[in-house]
Protein backbone atom coordinates (compact mmCIF):
# COMPACT_ATOMS: atom_id res chain seq x y z
CA MET A 1 0.92 -16.46 -13.93
CA GLN A 2 -2.42 -17.20 -12.26
CA ARG A 3 -1.45 -20.85 -11.95
CA ILE A 4 1.77 -19.88 -10.12
CA GLU A 5 -0.25 -17.67 -7.76
CA ASN A 6 -2.62 -20.55 -7.05
CA LEU A 7 0.27 -22.92 -6.34
CA LEU A 8 1.85 -20.42 -3.97
CA ASN A 9 -1.46 -20.02 -2.16
CA ILE A 10 -1.72 -23.77 -1.68
CA VAL A 11 1.87 -24.23 -0.52
CA ARG A 12 2.44 -21.07 1.54
CA GLY A 13 -0.97 -19.55 2.24
CA PRO A 14 -2.93 -16.74 0.55
CA ASP A 15 -0.90 -13.83 1.96
CA THR A 16 2.50 -15.08 0.77
CA TRP A 17 2.15 -13.83 -2.81
CA ASN A 18 1.41 -10.27 -1.66
CA ALA A 19 4.18 -10.34 0.94
CA ILE A 20 6.76 -11.40 -1.65
CA HIS A 21 5.65 -9.03 -4.40
CA ARG A 22 4.67 -5.88 -2.54
CA THR A 23 6.40 -2.60 -3.25
CA ARG A 24 9.29 -1.91 -0.88
CA VAL A 25 10.15 1.57 0.42
CA LYS A 26 13.63 2.95 1.13
CA ILE A 27 14.21 6.26 2.90
CA CYS A 28 17.64 7.74 2.12
CA GLY A 29 19.61 10.50 3.73
CA ILE A 30 19.14 9.29 7.31
CA ARG A 31 21.26 11.46 9.64
CA SER A 32 20.08 10.57 13.14
CA LEU A 33 18.66 7.73 15.21
CA ASP A 34 15.42 9.66 15.75
CA ILE A 35 14.87 10.04 12.01
CA ALA A 36 15.70 6.35 11.46
CA LEU A 37 13.09 5.35 14.04
CA VAL A 38 10.47 7.69 12.55
CA ALA A 39 11.11 6.32 9.05
CA SER A 40 10.80 2.77 10.33
CA ARG A 41 7.56 3.51 12.19
CA ALA A 42 6.20 5.17 9.04
CA GLY A 43 6.69 1.90 7.17
CA ALA A 44 10.12 2.12 5.54
CA ASP A 45 11.53 -1.28 4.65
CA PHE A 46 15.08 0.00 4.20
CA LEU A 47 17.11 2.95 5.50
CA GLY A 48 19.79 4.61 3.41
CA PHE A 49 22.84 6.66 4.30
CA VAL A 50 24.74 9.09 2.07
CA PHE A 51 28.53 8.88 2.18
CA VAL A 52 29.33 11.19 -0.74
CA PRO A 53 31.61 13.96 0.60
CA ASN A 54 30.53 17.60 0.36
CA THR A 55 26.85 16.79 -0.10
CA ARG A 56 24.03 18.07 2.06
CA ARG A 57 23.21 14.73 3.67
CA ALA A 58 26.76 13.34 3.81
CA LEU A 59 27.39 11.27 6.90
CA ASP A 60 30.57 10.03 8.51
CA GLU A 61 30.87 6.24 8.53
CA ASN A 62 31.26 6.15 12.32
CA VAL A 63 28.08 8.17 12.83
CA ALA A 64 26.22 5.75 10.54
CA LYS A 65 27.49 2.84 12.62
CA GLU A 66 26.25 4.54 15.80
CA ILE A 67 22.81 5.10 14.24
CA ILE A 68 22.60 1.48 13.09
CA THR A 69 23.71 0.15 16.47
CA GLY A 70 21.22 2.37 18.30
CA PHE A 71 18.44 1.41 15.89
CA ARG A 72 19.07 -2.29 16.43
CA LYS A 73 19.11 -1.90 20.21
CA ARG A 74 15.88 0.12 20.22
CA CYS A 75 14.08 -2.22 17.83
CA PHE A 76 15.42 -5.62 18.87
CA GLY A 77 16.68 -5.11 22.41
CA PRO A 78 19.61 -7.08 23.81
CA HIS A 79 19.23 -9.77 21.14
CA SER A 80 19.76 -7.43 18.21
CA PRO A 81 21.28 -8.95 15.07
CA LYS A 82 24.94 -8.37 14.33
CA ALA A 83 26.13 -6.64 11.17
């Protein structure tokens, strides 16, 4: 394993190994654009939405689309990526 780490450091630089293998964080139950932005600023790598009916954090698909669109516009501006 150490040999692989050394090879990666030579090819990609010393920070690549940590960037590839760091723990990722997902925040689920997002229900508004404001909460999505707060989660992102707090370091979340992924945002999750709950679509299970009759649950506390259930969200309509159209509302989720609005949150995602708003998030992309706020974070990436007019050149936001498409779904």
